């Protein structure tokens, strides 16, 4: 069962919708349950991140255009550089890294916010040096 909760002014968690309330009613008083708390991803923030990737690709220095000609290439590099990767072993036994997924199912909002901010920092340091983080944030404010 999956339910969405909202924190109330009194500090308690309460069901967000009527469906969530109904789902919680199936739990009897005294039942022991296990919960994993995560903040659901914000689709607007996800779109803003991809607008950021497009902005970087459109302003890519000539020296890096061949390496990062698409948002997909850039995204993979950001994941690898920021440690969002996993070790794999090929059929021949060779180890290699594969970028992890940043899908809604794999990364909650808190994790995504860190990845987003770290990505901007990395871009400002290594891809678009001289561009300030605040400039990028202001450019993306419309998203």
N, C-alpha and C. Protein backbone atom coordinates (compact mmCIF):
# COMPACT_ATOMS: atom_id res chain seq x y z
N UNK A 1 0.85 -1.17 0.00
CA UNK A 1 0.00 0.00 0.00
C UNK A 1 0.90 1.24 0.00
N UNK A 2 0.51 2.20 -0.77
CA UNK A 2 1.23 3.47 -0.81
C UNK A 2 0.24 4.59 -0.49
N UNK A 3 0.59 5.43 0.47
CA UNK A 3 -0.26 6.56 0.84
C UNK A 3 0.59 7.82 0.87
N UNK A 4 -0.05 8.93 0.59
CA UNK A 4 0.61 10.23 0.68
C UNK A 4 0.14 10.91 1.96
N UNK A 5 1.11 11.43 2.69
CA UNK A 5 0.83 12.10 3.96
C UNK A 5 1.30 13.54 3.89
N UNK A 6 0.70 14.36 4.73
CA UNK A 6 1.10 15.76 4.83
C UNK A 6 1.34 16.06 6.30
N UNK A 7 2.37 16.85 6.57
CA UNK A 7 2.66 17.20 7.96
C UNK A 7 1.76 18.35 8.37
N UNK A 8 1.08 18.18 9.50
CA UNK A 8 0.15 19.21 9.99
C UNK A 8 0.87 20.21 10.89
N UNK A 9 0.19 21.29 11.22
CA UNK A 9 0.77 22.30 12.11
C UNK A 9 1.12 21.73 13.48
N UNK A 10 0.39 20.70 13.89
CA UNK A 10 0.67 20.08 15.20
C UNK A 10 1.86 19.13 15.14
N UNK A 11 2.42 18.95 13.94
CA UNK A 11 3.59 18.08 13.80
C UNK A 11 3.27 16.64 13.47
N UNK A 12 1.99 16.31 13.32
CA UNK A 12 1.58 14.94 13.00
C UNK A 12 1.49 14.76 11.48
N UNK A 13 1.58 13.52 11.05
CA UNK A 13 1.36 13.19 9.65
C UNK A 13 -0.09 12.79 9.47
N UNK A 14 -0.74 13.35 8.45
CA UNK A 14 -2.15 13.07 8.19
C UNK A 14 -2.31 12.67 6.72
N UNK A 15 -3.33 11.85 6.41
CA UNK A 15 -3.57 11.46 5.02
C UNK A 15 -3.82 12.69 4.15
N UNK A 16 -3.28 12.66 2.95
CA UNK A 16 -3.39 13.81 2.05
C UNK A 16 -4.74 13.84 1.32
N UNK A 17 -5.23 12.67 0.93
CA UNK A 17 -6.48 12.61 0.16
C UNK A 17 -7.46 11.65 0.83
N UNK A 18 -8.68 11.63 0.35
CA UNK A 18 -9.68 10.68 0.86
C UNK A 18 -9.25 9.24 0.61
N UNK A 19 -8.65 8.99 -0.56
CA UNK A 19 -8.16 7.63 -0.86
C UNK A 19 -7.09 7.22 0.14
N UNK A 20 -6.19 8.14 0.46
CA UNK A 20 -5.15 7.84 1.44
C UNK A 20 -5.77 7.55 2.81
N UNK A 21 -6.78 8.31 3.16
CA UNK A 21 -7.48 8.12 4.43
C UNK A 21 -8.12 6.72 4.47
N UNK A 22 -8.75 6.33 3.37
CA UNK A 22 -9.38 5.01 3.29
C UNK A 22 -8.34 3.90 3.43
N UNK A 23 -7.21 4.06 2.76
CA UNK A 23 -6.15 3.05 2.85
C UNK A 23 -5.65 2.90 4.28
N UNK A 24 -5.51 4.01 4.98
CA UNK A 24 -5.02 3.95 6.36
C UNK A 24 -6.04 3.32 7.30
N UNK A 25 -7.33 3.42 6.96
CA UNK A 25 -8.36 2.82 7.81
C UNK A 25 -8.24 1.30 7.85
N UNK A 26 -7.60 0.71 6.85
CA UNK A 26 -7.44 -0.75 6.83
C UNK A 26 -6.41 -1.23 7.85
N UNK A 27 -5.66 -0.31 8.44
CA UNK A 27 -4.68 -0.66 9.47
C UNK A 27 -5.37 -0.58 10.83
N UNK A 28 -5.32 -1.67 11.56
CA UNK A 28 -5.99 -1.72 12.86
C UNK A 28 -5.13 -1.07 13.94
N UNK A 29 -5.78 -0.54 14.96
CA UNK A 29 -5.09 0.04 16.11
C UNK A 29 -4.19 -1.04 16.70
N UNK A 30 -2.95 -0.71 16.92
CA UNK A 30 -1.99 -1.66 17.48
C UNK A 30 -1.21 -2.45 16.45
N UNK A 31 -1.63 -2.38 15.17
CA UNK A 31 -0.87 -3.06 14.11
C UNK A 31 0.50 -2.41 13.98
N UNK A 32 1.50 -3.25 13.84
CA UNK A 32 2.85 -2.75 13.60
C UNK A 32 3.05 -2.65 12.09
N UNK A 33 3.50 -1.50 11.63
CA UNK A 33 3.74 -1.31 10.20
C UNK A 33 5.13 -0.71 10.02
N UNK A 34 5.68 -0.86 8.83
CA UNK A 34 6.98 -0.28 8.50
C UNK A 34 6.75 0.73 7.39
N UNK A 35 7.32 1.91 7.55
CA UNK A 35 7.15 2.97 6.56
C UNK A 35 8.51 3.44 6.06
N UNK A 36 8.56 3.78 4.81
CA UNK A 36 9.74 4.44 4.25
C UNK A 36 9.27 5.84 3.86
N UNK A 37 9.85 6.84 4.47
CA UNK A 37 9.45 8.22 4.22
C UNK A 37 10.28 8.78 3.07
N UNK A 38 9.63 9.32 2.08
CA UNK A 38 10.33 10.01 0.99
C UNK A 38 9.44 11.14 0.50
N UNK A 39 10.09 12.16 0.00
CA UNK A 39 9.34 13.28 -0.57
C UNK A 39 9.15 13.01 -2.05
N UNK A 40 7.91 12.95 -2.53
CA UNK A 40 7.70 12.69 -3.96
C UNK A 40 8.34 13.78 -4.80
N UNK A 41 8.78 13.38 -5.97
CA UNK A 41 9.46 14.30 -6.87
C UNK A 41 8.51 15.36 -7.39
N UNK A 42 9.06 16.52 -7.59
CA UNK A 42 8.34 17.67 -8.13
C UNK A 42 8.58 17.70 -9.64
N UNK A 43 7.53 17.49 -10.42
CA UNK A 43 7.67 17.45 -11.89
C UNK A 43 8.20 18.78 -12.43
N UNK A 44 7.82 19.88 -11.80
CA UNK A 44 8.32 21.18 -12.24
C UNK A 44 9.82 21.29 -12.06
N UNK A 45 10.32 20.76 -10.96
CA UNK A 45 11.77 20.79 -10.71
C UNK A 45 12.49 19.90 -11.70
N UNK A 46 11.88 18.76 -12.04
CA UNK A 46 12.44 17.85 -13.04
C UNK A 46 12.54 18.56 -14.40
N UNK A 47 11.49 19.26 -14.78
CA UNK A 47 11.50 20.00 -16.05
C UNK A 47 12.55 21.11 -16.03
N UNK A 48 12.69 21.77 -14.89
CA UNK A 48 13.69 22.83 -14.75
C UNK A 48 15.09 22.24 -14.94
N UNK A 49 15.33 21.05 -14.41
CA UNK A 49 16.64 20.41 -14.57
C UNK A 49 16.93 20.15 -16.04
N UNK A 50 15.94 19.67 -16.79
CA UNK A 50 16.18 19.41 -18.20
C UNK A 50 16.31 20.71 -19.00
N UNK A 51 15.67 21.77 -18.56
CA UNK A 51 15.89 23.09 -19.17
C UNK A 51 17.33 23.53 -18.91
N UNK A 52 17.83 23.25 -17.71
CA UNK A 52 19.23 23.54 -17.37
C UNK A 52 20.17 22.77 -18.30
N UNK A 53 19.92 21.48 -18.51
CA UNK A 53 20.76 20.68 -19.41
C UNK A 53 20.75 21.27 -20.81
N UNK A 54 19.57 21.66 -21.30
CA UNK A 54 19.48 22.27 -22.63
C UNK A 54 20.27 23.57 -22.69
N UNK A 55 20.16 24.38 -21.66
CA UNK A 55 20.89 25.65 -21.59
C UNK A 55 22.40 25.40 -21.68
N UNK A 56 22.88 24.41 -20.97
CA UNK A 56 24.31 24.10 -20.98
C UNK A 56 24.74 23.62 -22.36
N UNK A 57 23.98 22.70 -22.95
CA UNK A 57 24.33 22.18 -24.28
C UNK A 57 24.33 23.30 -25.31
N UNK A 58 23.36 24.21 -25.23
CA UNK A 58 23.29 25.33 -26.17
C UNK A 58 24.46 26.30 -26.01
N UNK A 59 25.06 26.34 -24.84
CA UNK A 59 26.17 27.26 -24.57
C UNK A 59 27.49 26.52 -24.34
N UNK A 60 27.57 25.31 -24.83
CA UNK A 60 28.74 24.47 -24.64
C UNK A 60 29.96 25.09 -25.33
N UNK A 61 31.09 25.17 -24.64
CA UNK A 61 32.30 25.66 -25.29
C UNK A 61 32.68 24.74 -26.46
N UNK A 62 33.25 25.32 -27.50
CA UNK A 62 33.62 24.55 -28.69
C UNK A 62 34.49 23.36 -28.34
N UNK A 63 35.36 23.52 -27.38
CA UNK A 63 36.29 22.45 -27.01
C UNK A 63 35.58 21.22 -26.44
N UNK A 64 34.34 21.38 -26.01
CA UNK A 64 33.59 20.26 -25.43
C UNK A 64 32.40 19.82 -26.27
N UNK A 65 32.12 20.51 -27.38
CA UNK A 65 30.93 20.20 -28.19
C UNK A 65 30.89 18.76 -28.66
N UNK A 66 32.03 18.20 -29.05
CA UNK A 66 32.04 16.82 -29.53
C UNK A 66 31.74 15.82 -28.42
N UNK A 67 32.15 16.13 -27.20
CA UNK A 67 31.93 15.21 -26.08
C UNK A 67 30.51 15.27 -25.55
N UNK A 68 29.90 16.45 -25.60
CA UNK A 68 28.57 16.64 -25.02
C UNK A 68 27.65 17.32 -26.02
N UNK A 69 27.30 16.60 -27.07
CA UNK A 69 26.47 17.19 -28.12
C UNK A 69 24.98 17.08 -27.82
N UNK A 70 24.62 16.36 -26.76
CA UNK A 70 23.20 16.20 -26.42
C UNK A 70 23.03 16.28 -24.90
N UNK A 71 21.79 16.51 -24.50
CA UNK A 71 21.50 16.54 -23.06
C UNK A 71 21.75 15.17 -22.43
N UNK A 72 21.54 14.12 -23.19
CA UNK A 72 21.77 12.77 -22.69
C UNK A 72 23.25 12.55 -22.37
N UNK A 73 24.13 12.99 -23.28
CA UNK A 73 25.58 12.89 -23.04
C UNK A 73 25.97 13.68 -21.79
N UNK A 74 25.45 14.88 -21.69
CA UNK A 74 25.77 15.74 -20.55
C UNK A 74 25.24 15.13 -19.25
N UNK A 75 24.03 14.64 -19.27
CA UNK A 75 23.44 14.03 -18.08
C UNK A 75 24.28 12.84 -17.61
N UNK A 76 24.68 11.99 -18.54
CA UNK A 76 25.52 10.84 -18.16
C UNK A 76 26.82 11.29 -17.51
N UNK A 77 27.44 12.32 -18.06
CA UNK A 77 28.70 12.83 -17.50
C UNK A 77 28.49 13.41 -16.11
N UNK A 78 27.42 14.16 -15.92
CA UNK A 78 27.13 14.72 -14.59
C UNK A 78 26.93 13.59 -13.58
N UNK A 79 26.17 12.58 -13.95
CA UNK A 79 25.96 11.45 -13.05
C UNK A 79 27.28 10.79 -12.68
N UNK A 80 28.12 10.55 -13.67
CA UNK A 80 29.40 9.88 -13.42
C UNK A 80 30.29 10.72 -12.52
N UNK A 81 30.41 12.01 -12.82
CA UNK A 81 31.29 12.89 -12.05
C UNK A 81 30.80 13.09 -10.62
N UNK A 82 29.49 13.06 -10.42
CA UNK A 82 28.92 13.29 -9.09
C UNK A 82 28.73 12.00 -8.29
N UNK A 83 29.16 10.88 -8.86
CA UNK A 83 29.10 9.62 -8.12
C UNK A 83 27.79 8.87 -8.22
N UNK A 84 26.91 9.29 -9.12
CA UNK A 84 25.64 8.58 -9.33
C UNK A 84 25.88 7.51 -10.39
N UNK A 85 26.62 6.48 -9.97
CA UNK A 85 27.03 5.43 -10.90
C UNK A 85 27.14 4.13 -10.13
N UNK A 86 27.13 3.04 -10.88
CA UNK A 86 27.28 1.73 -10.26
C UNK A 86 28.27 0.91 -11.06
N UNK A 87 29.01 0.08 -10.36
CA UNK A 87 29.99 -0.79 -11.00
C UNK A 87 29.28 -1.98 -11.61
N UNK A 88 29.65 -2.29 -12.82
CA UNK A 88 29.12 -3.46 -13.53
C UNK A 88 30.29 -4.31 -14.00
N UNK A 89 30.01 -5.55 -14.35
CA UNK A 89 31.02 -6.44 -14.91
C UNK A 89 30.49 -6.97 -16.23
N UNK A 90 31.29 -6.83 -17.28
CA UNK A 90 30.89 -7.29 -18.61
C UNK A 90 30.99 -8.81 -18.69
N UNK A 91 30.50 -9.37 -19.77
CA UNK A 91 30.59 -10.82 -19.98
C UNK A 91 32.03 -11.30 -20.01
N UNK A 92 32.94 -10.43 -20.41
CA UNK A 92 34.36 -10.81 -20.47
C UNK A 92 35.08 -10.57 -19.14
N UNK A 93 34.35 -10.12 -18.14
CA UNK A 93 34.94 -9.90 -16.82
C UNK A 93 35.50 -8.52 -16.59
N UNK A 94 35.37 -7.66 -17.57
CA UNK A 94 35.89 -6.30 -17.43
C UNK A 94 34.90 -5.45 -16.62
N UNK A 95 35.42 -4.73 -15.62
CA UNK A 95 34.56 -3.87 -14.81
C UNK A 95 34.44 -2.49 -15.45
N UNK A 96 33.26 -1.92 -15.33
CA UNK A 96 33.00 -0.59 -15.87
C UNK A 96 31.90 0.07 -15.04
N UNK A 97 31.82 1.38 -15.16
CA UNK A 97 30.77 2.12 -14.46
C UNK A 97 29.62 2.41 -15.41
N UNK A 98 28.42 2.36 -14.85
CA UNK A 98 27.21 2.71 -15.59
C UNK A 98 26.49 3.80 -14.79
N UNK A 99 26.05 4.89 -15.45
CA UNK A 99 25.31 5.93 -14.72
C UNK A 99 24.02 5.37 -14.14
N UNK A 100 23.70 5.79 -12.91
CA UNK A 100 22.44 5.38 -12.28
C UNK A 100 21.28 6.19 -12.84
N UNK A 101 20.10 5.68 -12.65
CA UNK A 101 18.88 6.37 -13.07
C UNK A 101 18.53 7.48 -12.09
N UNK A 102 17.98 8.57 -12.62
CA UNK A 102 17.44 9.63 -11.77
C UNK A 102 15.91 9.66 -11.90
N UNK A 103 15.33 8.54 -12.27
CA UNK A 103 13.88 8.46 -12.46
C UNK A 103 13.17 8.75 -11.14
N UNK A 104 11.91 9.07 -11.24
CA UNK A 104 11.10 9.36 -10.07
C UNK A 104 11.11 8.19 -9.09
N UNK A 105 11.13 6.97 -9.61
CA UNK A 105 11.11 5.78 -8.76
C UNK A 105 12.45 5.55 -8.06
N UNK A 106 13.51 6.07 -8.62
CA UNK A 106 14.85 5.81 -8.07
C UNK A 106 15.39 6.92 -7.18
N UNK A 107 14.82 8.11 -7.27
CA UNK A 107 15.38 9.25 -6.54
C UNK A 107 14.24 10.13 -6.03
N UNK A 108 14.18 10.32 -4.71
CA UNK A 108 13.13 11.19 -4.17
C UNK A 108 13.53 12.66 -4.32
N UNK A 109 12.66 13.56 -3.90
CA UNK A 109 12.89 14.99 -4.11
C UNK A 109 14.13 15.49 -3.38
N UNK A 110 14.38 15.02 -2.18
CA UNK A 110 15.56 15.47 -1.43
C UNK A 110 16.84 15.09 -2.15
N UNK A 111 16.91 13.85 -2.63
CA UNK A 111 18.08 13.40 -3.38
C UNK A 111 18.21 14.19 -4.68
N UNK A 112 17.07 14.43 -5.34
CA UNK A 112 17.11 15.15 -6.61
C UNK A 112 17.58 16.59 -6.42
N UNK A 113 17.15 17.25 -5.35
CA UNK A 113 17.60 18.62 -5.08
C UNK A 113 19.11 18.68 -4.93
N UNK A 114 19.68 17.70 -4.22
CA UNK A 114 21.13 17.66 -4.06
C UNK A 114 21.80 17.45 -5.41
N UNK A 115 21.29 16.50 -6.20
CA UNK A 115 21.85 16.24 -7.52
C UNK A 115 21.77 17.48 -8.41
N UNK A 116 20.64 18.16 -8.38
CA UNK A 116 20.42 19.38 -9.16
C UNK A 116 21.44 20.45 -8.79
N UNK A 117 21.57 20.73 -7.49
CA UNK A 117 22.50 21.77 -7.04
C UNK A 117 23.95 21.40 -7.33
N UNK A 118 24.30 20.15 -7.09
CA UNK A 118 25.67 19.70 -7.37
C UNK A 118 25.96 19.76 -8.86
N UNK A 119 24.96 19.49 -9.70
CA UNK A 119 25.14 19.56 -11.15
C UNK A 119 25.46 20.98 -11.60
N UNK A 120 24.72 21.94 -11.05
CA UNK A 120 24.99 23.34 -11.41
C UNK A 120 26.39 23.74 -10.96
N UNK A 121 26.78 23.34 -9.76
CA UNK A 121 28.13 23.64 -9.28
C UNK A 121 29.19 23.05 -10.20
N UNK A 122 29.01 21.81 -10.60
CA UNK A 122 29.96 21.14 -11.48
C UNK A 122 30.06 21.84 -12.83
N UNK A 123 28.92 22.21 -13.38
CA UNK A 123 28.92 22.91 -14.67
C UNK A 123 29.65 24.24 -14.56
N UNK A 124 29.37 24.99 -13.50
CA UNK A 124 30.02 26.30 -13.33
C UNK A 124 31.53 26.17 -13.13
N UNK A 125 31.96 25.08 -12.57
CA UNK A 125 33.39 24.87 -12.31
C UNK A 125 34.13 24.31 -13.51
N UNK A 126 33.54 23.30 -14.18
CA UNK A 126 34.30 22.56 -15.19
C UNK A 126 33.83 22.72 -16.63
N UNK A 127 32.61 23.12 -16.85
CA UNK A 127 32.10 23.20 -18.23
C UNK A 127 31.93 24.64 -18.68
N UNK A 128 31.35 25.46 -17.84
CA UNK A 128 31.16 26.88 -18.16
C UNK A 128 31.84 27.75 -17.10
N UNK A 129 33.17 27.63 -16.97
CA UNK A 129 33.84 28.45 -15.96
C UNK A 129 33.63 29.93 -16.28
N UNK A 130 33.43 30.69 -15.26
CA UNK A 130 33.15 32.11 -15.46
C UNK A 130 31.68 32.43 -15.37
N UNK A 131 30.84 31.41 -15.51
CA UNK A 131 29.40 31.61 -15.34
C UNK A 131 29.08 31.33 -13.88
N UNK A 132 28.41 32.26 -13.25
CA UNK A 132 28.07 32.12 -11.83
C UNK A 132 26.80 31.28 -11.67
N UNK A 133 26.75 30.54 -10.58
CA UNK A 133 25.58 29.71 -10.27
C UNK A 133 24.31 30.56 -10.26
N UNK A 134 24.39 31.74 -9.68
CA UNK A 134 23.22 32.61 -9.57
C UNK A 134 22.69 33.01 -10.95
N UNK A 135 23.59 33.19 -11.92
CA UNK A 135 23.17 33.52 -13.29
C UNK A 135 22.30 32.41 -13.86
N UNK A 136 22.74 31.18 -13.66
CA UNK A 136 21.99 30.03 -14.17
C UNK A 136 20.63 29.94 -13.47
N UNK A 137 20.64 30.09 -12.16
CA UNK A 137 19.39 30.01 -11.39
C UNK A 137 18.41 31.08 -11.85
N UNK A 138 18.89 32.29 -12.06
CA UNK A 138 18.01 33.38 -12.52
C UNK A 138 17.47 33.11 -13.91
N UNK A 139 18.28 32.52 -14.77
CA UNK A 139 17.84 32.19 -16.13
C UNK A 139 16.73 31.13 -16.10
N UNK A 140 16.79 30.24 -15.13
CA UNK A 140 15.83 29.13 -15.05
C UNK A 140 14.61 29.44 -14.21
N UNK A 141 14.51 30.65 -13.68
CA UNK A 141 13.43 30.99 -12.76
C UNK A 141 12.04 30.83 -13.39
N UNK A 142 11.94 30.92 -14.69
CA UNK A 142 10.65 30.81 -15.37
C UNK A 142 10.11 29.38 -15.36
N UNK A 143 10.95 28.41 -15.05
CA UNK A 143 10.51 27.01 -15.11
C UNK A 143 9.98 26.53 -13.80
